[in-house]
Amino acid sequence: MLNTLKNHKNIVILSATLFATTMLLFGAYTSNGINAQTLEKVTIGLNSATFGPLTSNPSANQVKVLVDYQTKDLSLIDTAINGVMEVFAPNGSQIKTSSYPSGFTITQSGIIQFATSFSDPALTSVKVNVTLTDLNKTETISNTVSADAALAQ
């Protein structure tokens, strides 16, 4: 009887240990699954960034960025979205923000051009950040791409 009681106690301890271990592992797996999910519906990468005099107005300079994109959320294909390009001076101060006035239609993959111009003859380089958003520019739907561009003459 004493031996049977000891066996039951060992079985209960083993069962409790297995249960606790399973719950810990399941909890860690679930937690990692949540953290591993991405909110990016579109992935973008830098294609090119240029900074130089504007052809139609040589006293102004233009920064132009081309980004490659790949749509991960297929429900976005053939819908209108937008994007924002922020331009910064070398000291980090923001010079300008630009976007598409009416957005643009996205396909499965392609290239998007962002361009803006400004007059500041003292600037010889700029930093740009580009992010895709929903049409109203309230929700970020992509990663951010950053680039540095030096003034080309």
N, C-alpha and C. Protein backbone atom coordinates (compact mmCIF):
# COMPACT_ATOMS: atom_id res chain seq x y z
N MET A 1 0.83 -1.19 0.00
CA MET A 1 0.00 0.00 0.00
C MET A 1 0.87 1.25 0.00
N LEU A 2 1.93 1.24 0.80
CA LEU A 2 2.84 2.37 0.86
C LEU A 2 3.53 2.57 -0.48
N ASN A 3 3.89 1.46 -1.13
CA ASN A 3 4.54 1.51 -2.43
C ASN A 3 3.58 2.06 -3.50
N THR A 4 2.31 1.68 -3.43
CA THR A 4 1.30 2.15 -4.38
C THR A 4 1.08 3.65 -4.21
N LEU A 5 1.04 4.11 -2.95
CA LEU A 5 0.86 5.53 -2.66
C LEU A 5 2.04 6.35 -3.20
N LYS A 6 3.22 5.79 -3.06
CA LYS A 6 4.44 6.45 -3.55
C LYS A 6 4.39 6.54 -5.09
N ASN A 7 3.94 5.47 -5.76
CA ASN A 7 3.82 5.47 -7.21
C ASN A 7 2.81 6.51 -7.69
N HIS A 8 1.66 6.61 -6.98
CA HIS A 8 0.65 7.61 -7.34
C HIS A 8 1.21 9.03 -7.17
N LYS A 9 1.95 9.23 -6.10
CA LYS A 9 2.54 10.54 -5.85
C LYS A 9 3.52 10.89 -6.98
N ASN A 10 4.34 9.94 -7.40
CA ASN A 10 5.30 10.17 -8.49
C ASN A 10 4.58 10.46 -9.81
N ILE A 11 3.48 9.74 -10.05
CA ILE A 11 2.71 9.97 -11.27
C ILE A 11 2.09 11.37 -11.26
N VAL A 12 1.57 11.80 -10.12
CA VAL A 12 0.98 13.13 -10.01
C VAL A 12 2.05 14.20 -10.22
N ILE A 13 3.22 14.04 -9.63
CA ILE A 13 4.31 15.01 -9.79
C ILE A 13 4.77 15.04 -11.24
N LEU A 14 4.91 13.88 -11.85
CA LEU A 14 5.33 13.80 -13.25
C LEU A 14 4.29 14.47 -14.15
N SER A 15 3.03 14.21 -13.91
CA SER A 15 1.96 14.81 -14.72
C SER A 15 1.95 16.32 -14.57
N ALA A 16 2.10 16.81 -13.35
CA ALA A 16 2.12 18.25 -13.10
C ALA A 16 3.31 18.90 -13.80
N THR A 17 4.46 18.22 -13.74
CA THR A 17 5.66 18.74 -14.38
C THR A 17 5.48 18.80 -15.89
N LEU A 18 4.94 17.74 -16.48
CA LEU A 18 4.69 17.72 -17.92
C LEU A 18 3.69 18.80 -18.33
N PHE A 19 2.65 18.97 -17.53
CA PHE A 19 1.65 19.99 -17.82
C PHE A 19 2.27 21.39 -17.78
N ALA A 20 3.04 21.67 -16.72
CA ALA A 20 3.66 22.98 -16.57
C ALA A 20 4.65 23.24 -17.71
N THR A 21 5.44 22.24 -18.06
CA THR A 21 6.41 22.39 -19.15
C THR A 21 5.70 22.64 -20.47
N THR A 22 4.63 21.91 -20.72
CA THR A 22 3.86 22.09 -21.95
C THR A 22 3.30 23.51 -22.01
N MET A 23 2.74 23.99 -20.92
CA MET A 23 2.17 25.34 -20.89
C MET A 23 3.25 26.40 -21.12
N LEU A 24 4.41 26.22 -20.52
CA LEU A 24 5.51 27.17 -20.72
C LEU A 24 5.97 27.19 -22.18
N LEU A 25 6.15 26.00 -22.75
CA LEU A 25 6.60 25.92 -24.14
C LEU A 25 5.54 26.47 -25.09
N PHE A 26 4.29 26.15 -24.85
CA PHE A 26 3.22 26.67 -25.69
C PHE A 26 3.14 28.18 -25.58
N GLY A 27 3.27 28.70 -24.38
CA GLY A 27 3.25 30.15 -24.16
C GLY A 27 4.39 30.83 -24.86
N ALA A 28 5.59 30.26 -24.79
CA ALA A 28 6.75 30.84 -25.47
C ALA A 28 6.56 30.79 -26.98
N TYR A 29 6.04 29.69 -27.49
CA TYR A 29 5.80 29.56 -28.92
C TYR A 29 4.77 30.58 -29.39
N THR A 30 3.68 30.73 -28.65
CA THR A 30 2.65 31.69 -29.01
C THR A 30 3.20 33.11 -28.96
N SER A 31 3.96 33.42 -27.93
CA SER A 31 4.54 34.74 -27.79
C SER A 31 5.47 35.04 -28.94
N ASN A 32 6.33 34.09 -29.30
CA ASN A 32 7.24 34.31 -30.42
C ASN A 32 6.48 34.46 -31.72
N GLY A 33 5.40 33.74 -31.88
CA GLY A 33 4.60 33.85 -33.09
C GLY A 33 4.03 35.24 -33.24
N ILE A 34 3.59 35.82 -32.16
CA ILE A 34 3.04 37.17 -32.21
C ILE A 34 4.14 38.17 -32.54
N ASN A 35 5.29 38.04 -31.90
CA ASN A 35 6.37 38.98 -32.14
C ASN A 35 6.96 38.83 -33.53
N ALA A 36 6.89 37.65 -34.09
CA ALA A 36 7.48 37.42 -35.41
C ALA A 36 6.61 37.94 -36.53
N GLN A 37 5.33 38.20 -36.26
CA GLN A 37 4.45 38.69 -37.32
C GLN A 37 4.85 40.10 -37.71
N THR A 38 4.71 40.41 -38.95
CA THR A 38 5.04 41.74 -39.43
C THR A 38 3.76 42.48 -39.82
N LEU A 39 3.79 43.77 -39.64
CA LEU A 39 2.65 44.58 -40.03
C LEU A 39 2.82 45.09 -41.46
N GLU A 40 3.96 44.81 -42.05
CA GLU A 40 4.23 45.28 -43.40
C GLU A 40 3.37 44.52 -44.40
N LYS A 41 2.61 45.27 -45.15
CA LYS A 41 1.79 44.69 -46.20
C LYS A 41 2.51 44.76 -47.54
N VAL A 42 3.50 45.65 -47.59
CA VAL A 42 4.33 45.83 -48.79
C VAL A 42 5.76 45.99 -48.31
N THR A 43 6.69 45.36 -49.01
CA THR A 43 8.11 45.51 -48.68
C THR A 43 8.75 46.39 -49.74
N ILE A 44 9.52 47.40 -49.29
CA ILE A 44 10.19 48.27 -50.24
C ILE A 44 11.70 48.22 -50.03
N GLY A 45 12.42 48.49 -51.11
CA GLY A 45 13.87 48.55 -51.07
C GLY A 45 14.35 49.70 -51.95
N LEU A 46 15.50 50.24 -51.62
CA LEU A 46 16.04 51.36 -52.38
C LEU A 46 16.53 50.90 -53.75
N ASN A 47 16.09 51.60 -54.77
CA ASN A 47 16.57 51.38 -56.13
C ASN A 47 17.64 52.42 -56.44
N SER A 48 17.30 53.72 -56.23
CA SER A 48 18.28 54.79 -56.44
C SER A 48 17.82 56.06 -55.73
N ALA A 49 18.78 56.93 -55.47
CA ALA A 49 18.48 58.24 -54.88
C ALA A 49 19.43 59.25 -55.53
N THR A 50 18.87 60.33 -56.07
CA THR A 50 19.68 61.37 -56.71
C THR A 50 19.28 62.73 -56.17
N PHE A 51 20.23 63.66 -56.23
CA PHE A 51 20.01 65.02 -55.75
C PHE A 51 20.79 65.94 -56.68
N GLY A 52 20.07 66.82 -57.39
CA GLY A 52 20.74 67.70 -58.33
C GLY A 52 19.86 68.85 -58.76
N PRO A 53 20.40 69.73 -59.59
CA PRO A 53 19.62 70.89 -60.06
C PRO A 53 18.38 70.45 -60.84
N LEU A 54 17.32 71.16 -60.63
CA LEU A 54 16.07 70.91 -61.34
C LEU A 54 16.22 71.42 -62.77
N THR A 55 15.91 70.61 -63.74
CA THR A 55 16.10 70.96 -65.15
C THR A 55 15.33 72.22 -65.53
N SER A 56 14.09 72.32 -65.09
CA SER A 56 13.26 73.46 -65.49
C SER A 56 13.55 74.73 -64.68
N ASN A 57 14.30 74.61 -63.57
CA ASN A 57 14.61 75.76 -62.72
C ASN A 57 15.97 75.51 -62.06
N PRO A 58 17.06 75.91 -62.71
CA PRO A 58 18.40 75.61 -62.19
C PRO A 58 18.71 76.20 -60.81
N SER A 59 17.89 77.16 -60.35
CA SER A 59 18.14 77.70 -59.00
C SER A 59 17.54 76.82 -57.91
N ALA A 60 16.80 75.81 -58.30
CA ALA A 60 16.22 74.86 -57.35
C ALA A 60 16.88 73.50 -57.52
N ASN A 61 16.89 72.73 -56.46
CA ASN A 61 17.43 71.37 -56.51
C ASN A 61 16.31 70.36 -56.31
N GLN A 62 16.48 69.21 -56.90
CA GLN A 62 15.48 68.15 -56.80
C GLN A 62 16.11 66.90 -56.20
N VAL A 63 15.38 66.28 -55.30
CA VAL A 63 15.78 64.96 -54.82
C VAL A 63 14.76 63.98 -55.39
N LYS A 64 15.30 62.89 -55.96
CA LYS A 64 14.44 61.88 -56.60
C LYS A 64 14.86 60.52 -56.05
N VAL A 65 13.88 59.75 -55.60
CA VAL A 65 14.13 58.42 -55.04
C VAL A 65 13.25 57.41 -55.76
N LEU A 66 13.86 56.33 -56.20
CA LEU A 66 13.12 55.21 -56.76
C LEU A 66 13.17 54.06 -55.77
N VAL A 67 12.00 53.51 -55.45
CA VAL A 67 11.95 52.34 -54.55
C VAL A 67 11.31 51.18 -55.29
N ASP A 68 11.90 50.01 -55.10
CA ASP A 68 11.31 48.76 -55.60
C ASP A 68 10.32 48.30 -54.55
N TYR A 69 9.22 47.69 -54.97
CA TYR A 69 8.27 47.18 -53.99
C TYR A 69 7.79 45.79 -54.36
N GLN A 70 7.38 45.07 -53.33
CA GLN A 70 6.78 43.74 -53.47
C GLN A 70 5.57 43.72 -52.55
N THR A 71 4.38 43.48 -53.11
CA THR A 71 3.16 43.45 -52.31
C THR A 71 3.01 42.10 -51.64
N LYS A 72 2.96 42.10 -50.30
CA LYS A 72 2.80 40.87 -49.55
C LYS A 72 1.32 40.59 -49.25
N ASP A 73 0.55 41.66 -49.07
CA ASP A 73 -0.89 41.52 -48.83
C ASP A 73 -1.58 41.62 -50.19
N LEU A 74 -1.92 40.48 -50.76
CA LEU A 74 -2.46 40.45 -52.12
C LEU A 74 -3.79 41.17 -52.26
N SER A 75 -4.48 41.43 -51.16
CA SER A 75 -5.75 42.18 -51.24
C SER A 75 -5.51 43.64 -51.62
N LEU A 76 -4.26 44.11 -51.56
CA LEU A 76 -3.95 45.49 -51.93
C LEU A 76 -3.75 45.68 -53.43
N ILE A 77 -3.53 44.58 -54.15
CA ILE A 77 -3.25 44.69 -55.59
C ILE A 77 -4.41 45.38 -56.31
N ASP A 78 -4.06 46.34 -57.16
CA ASP A 78 -5.00 47.16 -57.93
C ASP A 78 -5.84 48.09 -57.06
N THR A 79 -5.33 48.43 -55.88
CA THR A 79 -6.00 49.44 -55.04
C THR A 79 -5.09 50.66 -54.94
N ALA A 80 -5.68 51.78 -54.54
CA ALA A 80 -4.92 53.02 -54.39
C ALA A 80 -4.29 53.08 -53.00
N ILE A 81 -3.01 53.40 -52.97
CA ILE A 81 -2.29 53.63 -51.72
C ILE A 81 -1.53 54.94 -51.88
N ASN A 82 -0.72 55.28 -50.89
CA ASN A 82 0.09 56.48 -50.97
C ASN A 82 1.46 56.19 -50.40
N GLY A 83 2.30 57.17 -50.40
CA GLY A 83 3.63 57.05 -49.84
C GLY A 83 4.11 58.42 -49.42
N VAL A 84 5.03 58.44 -48.47
CA VAL A 84 5.54 59.70 -47.95
C VAL A 84 7.06 59.69 -48.06
N MET A 85 7.61 60.78 -48.56
CA MET A 85 9.05 60.97 -48.59
C MET A 85 9.38 62.17 -47.71
N GLU A 86 10.22 61.95 -46.71
CA GLU A 86 10.68 63.03 -45.85
C GLU A 86 12.12 63.33 -46.22
N VAL A 87 12.43 64.63 -46.34
CA VAL A 87 13.77 65.06 -46.72
C VAL A 87 14.38 65.81 -45.54
N PHE A 88 15.62 65.46 -45.18
CA PHE A 88 16.31 66.05 -44.04
C PHE A 88 17.64 66.65 -44.46
N ALA A 89 18.02 67.74 -43.80
CA ALA A 89 19.34 68.34 -43.98
C ALA A 89 20.36 67.48 -43.25
N PRO A 90 21.65 67.66 -43.54
CA PRO A 90 22.68 66.88 -42.84
C PRO A 90 22.64 67.03 -41.32
N ASN A 91 22.14 68.17 -40.81
CA ASN A 91 22.07 68.37 -39.35
C ASN A 91 20.84 67.69 -38.73
N GLY A 92 20.03 67.03 -39.56
CA GLY A 92 18.87 66.30 -39.06
C GLY A 92 17.56 67.06 -39.10
N SER A 93 17.60 68.34 -39.44
CA SER A 93 16.34 69.10 -39.49
C SER A 93 15.56 68.74 -40.75
N GLN A 94 14.26 68.63 -40.57
CA GLN A 94 13.41 68.25 -41.69
C GLN A 94 13.21 69.44 -42.63
N ILE A 95 13.45 69.20 -43.92
CA ILE A 95 13.33 70.25 -44.92
C ILE A 95 11.95 70.22 -45.56
N LYS A 96 11.51 69.02 -45.91
CA LYS A 96 10.26 68.91 -46.67
C LYS A 96 9.68 67.51 -46.53
N THR A 97 8.37 67.42 -46.64
CA THR A 97 7.65 66.15 -46.72
C THR A 97 6.81 66.20 -47.98
N SER A 98 6.85 65.13 -48.75
CA SER A 98 6.03 65.10 -49.96
C SER A 98 5.37 63.74 -50.11
N SER A 99 4.28 63.75 -50.86
CA SER A 99 3.53 62.51 -51.13
C SER A 99 2.79 62.72 -52.44
N TYR A 100 2.07 61.69 -52.86
CA TYR A 100 1.27 61.79 -54.07
C TYR A 100 -0.05 62.49 -53.73
N PRO A 101 -0.46 63.49 -54.52
CA PRO A 101 -1.71 64.20 -54.21
C PRO A 101 -2.93 63.28 -54.14
N SER A 102 -3.01 62.30 -55.06
CA SER A 102 -4.18 61.42 -55.10
C SER A 102 -3.81 59.95 -54.93
N GLY A 103 -2.61 59.69 -54.48
CA GLY A 103 -2.16 58.31 -54.33
C GLY A 103 -1.83 57.69 -55.67
N PHE A 104 -1.63 56.39 -55.68
CA PHE A 104 -1.31 55.66 -56.90
C PHE A 104 -1.79 54.23 -56.73
N THR A 105 -1.97 53.53 -57.83
CA THR A 105 -2.45 52.15 -57.80
C THR A 105 -1.26 51.21 -57.71
N ILE A 106 -1.34 50.27 -56.81
CA ILE A 106 -0.25 49.32 -56.57
C ILE A 106 -0.55 48.00 -57.29
N THR A 107 0.50 47.40 -57.80
CA THR A 107 0.38 46.08 -58.42
C THR A 107 1.14 45.09 -57.53
N GLN A 108 1.46 43.92 -58.05
CA GLN A 108 2.15 42.94 -57.22
C GLN A 108 3.59 43.36 -56.92
N SER A 109 4.25 43.96 -57.91
CA SER A 109 5.61 44.46 -57.69
C SER A 109 5.91 45.52 -58.72
N GLY A 110 6.92 46.33 -58.44
CA GLY A 110 7.28 47.37 -59.39
C GLY A 110 8.20 48.39 -58.77
N ILE A 111 8.23 49.57 -59.39
CA ILE A 111 9.07 50.68 -58.94
C ILE A 111 8.18 51.91 -58.77
N ILE A 112 8.41 52.63 -57.68
CA ILE A 112 7.67 53.87 -57.42
C ILE A 112 8.68 55.00 -57.34
N GLN A 113 8.36 56.13 -57.97
CA GLN A 113 9.24 57.30 -57.93
C GLN A 113 8.68 58.35 -56.98
N PHE A 114 9.56 58.88 -56.14
CA PHE A 114 9.23 60.01 -55.29
C PHE A 114 10.18 61.14 -55.68
N ALA A 115 9.67 62.36 -55.81
CA ALA A 115 10.52 63.49 -56.18
C ALA A 115 9.95 64.76 -55.55
N THR A 116 10.86 65.64 -55.16
CA THR A 116 10.46 66.95 -54.66
C THR A 116 11.61 67.91 -54.90
N SER A 117 11.29 69.20 -54.95
CA SER A 117 12.33 70.20 -55.19
C SER A 117 12.22 71.31 -54.15
N PHE A 118 13.33 72.01 -53.97
CA PHE A 118 13.40 73.12 -53.02
C PHE A 118 14.62 73.97 -53.36
N SER A 119 14.57 75.21 -52.92
CA SER A 119 15.68 76.13 -53.17
C SER A 119 16.43 76.38 -51.87
N ASP A 120 17.61 75.86 -51.78
CA ASP A 120 18.52 76.12 -50.66
C ASP A 120 19.93 75.84 -51.17
N PRO A 121 20.61 76.87 -51.67
CA PRO A 121 21.92 76.66 -52.28
C PRO A 121 22.98 76.15 -51.29
N ALA A 122 22.73 76.26 -50.01
CA ALA A 122 23.71 75.80 -49.02
C ALA A 122 23.72 74.28 -48.86
N LEU A 123 22.65 73.62 -49.28
CA LEU A 123 22.58 72.16 -49.11
C LEU A 123 23.39 71.44 -50.18
N THR A 124 24.32 70.63 -49.73
CA THR A 124 25.10 69.82 -50.67
C THR A 124 24.79 68.34 -50.54
N SER A 125 24.01 68.00 -49.53
CA SER A 125 23.56 66.61 -49.37
C SER A 125 22.28 66.60 -48.56
N VAL A 126 21.51 65.53 -48.72
CA VAL A 126 20.26 65.35 -47.97
C VAL A 126 20.13 63.89 -47.60
N LYS A 127 19.28 63.64 -46.60
CA LYS A 127 18.89 62.29 -46.24
C LYS A 127 17.39 62.20 -46.50
N VAL A 128 16.95 61.06 -47.04
CA VAL A 128 15.52 60.87 -47.31
C VAL A 128 15.04 59.58 -46.65
N ASN A 129 13.81 59.61 -46.20
CA ASN A 129 13.12 58.42 -45.70
C ASN A 129 11.84 58.28 -46.52
N VAL A 130 11.59 57.07 -47.02
CA VAL A 130 10.38 56.80 -47.80
C VAL A 130 9.63 55.66 -47.13
N THR A 131 8.32 55.84 -46.98
CA THR A 131 7.44 54.83 -46.40
C THR A 131 6.14 54.81 -47.19
N LEU A 132 5.60 53.64 -47.44
CA LEU A 132 4.29 53.54 -48.09
C LEU A 132 3.21 53.54 -47.01
N THR A 133 2.07 54.14 -47.36
CA THR A 133 0.96 54.28 -46.43
C THR A 133 -0.34 53.91 -47.12
N ASP A 134 -1.41 53.90 -46.34
CA ASP A 134 -2.73 53.78 -46.96
C ASP A 134 -3.01 55.08 -47.71
N LEU A 135 -4.09 55.12 -48.45
CA LEU A 135 -4.39 56.26 -49.31
C LEU A 135 -4.46 57.58 -48.52
N ASN A 136 -4.98 57.53 -47.30
CA ASN A 136 -5.15 58.74 -46.49
C ASN A 136 -3.92 59.10 -45.67
N LYS A 137 -2.86 58.30 -45.80
CA LYS A 137 -1.60 58.52 -45.08
C LYS A 137 -1.76 58.43 -43.56
N THR A 138 -2.70 57.57 -43.11
CA THR A 138 -2.90 57.39 -41.67
C THR A 138 -2.31 56.09 -41.16
N GLU A 139 -2.10 55.11 -42.05
CA GLU A 139 -1.57 53.81 -41.65
C GLU A 139 -0.33 53.48 -42.46
N THR A 140 0.76 53.15 -41.78
CA THR A 140 1.98 52.72 -42.45
C THR A 140 1.79 51.28 -42.90
N ILE A 141 2.10 51.00 -44.18
CA ILE A 141 1.91 49.64 -44.69
C ILE A 141 3.21 49.01 -45.18
N SER A 142 4.33 49.72 -45.03
CA SER A 142 5.61 49.18 -45.48
C SER A 142 6.71 49.50 -44.47
N ASN A 143 7.85 48.91 -44.73
CA ASN A 143 9.05 49.31 -44.00
C ASN A 143 9.47 50.68 -44.50
N THR A 144 10.43 51.30 -43.82
CA THR A 144 10.96 52.60 -44.24
C THR A 144 12.31 52.38 -44.90
N VAL A 145 12.52 53.05 -46.01
CA VAL A 145 13.81 53.00 -46.70
C VAL A 145 14.46 54.36 -46.52
N SER A 146 15.74 54.34 -46.15
CA SER A 146 16.51 55.59 -45.97
C SER A 146 17.65 55.63 -46.97
N ALA A 147 17.99 56.84 -47.40
CA ALA A 147 19.11 57.00 -48.33
C ALA A 147 19.73 58.37 -48.11
N ASP A 148 21.02 58.45 -48.39
CA ASP A 148 21.75 59.71 -48.40
C ASP A 148 22.05 60.05 -49.85
N ALA A 149 21.90 61.32 -50.20
CA ALA A 149 22.16 61.73 -51.57
C ALA A 149 23.00 63.01 -51.56
N ALA A 150 24.08 63.00 -52.31
CA ALA A 150 24.94 64.17 -52.43
C ALA A 150 24.59 64.92 -53.70
N LEU A 151 24.74 66.24 -53.64
CA LEU A 151 24.40 67.10 -54.77
C LEU A 151 25.31 66.82 -55.96
N ALA A 152 24.70 66.48 -57.08
CA ALA A 152 25.43 66.26 -58.32
C ALA A 152 25.32 67.50 -59.17
N GLN A 153 26.39 67.92 -59.77
CA GLN A 153 26.38 69.15 -60.59
C GLN A 153 26.29 68.82 -62.04
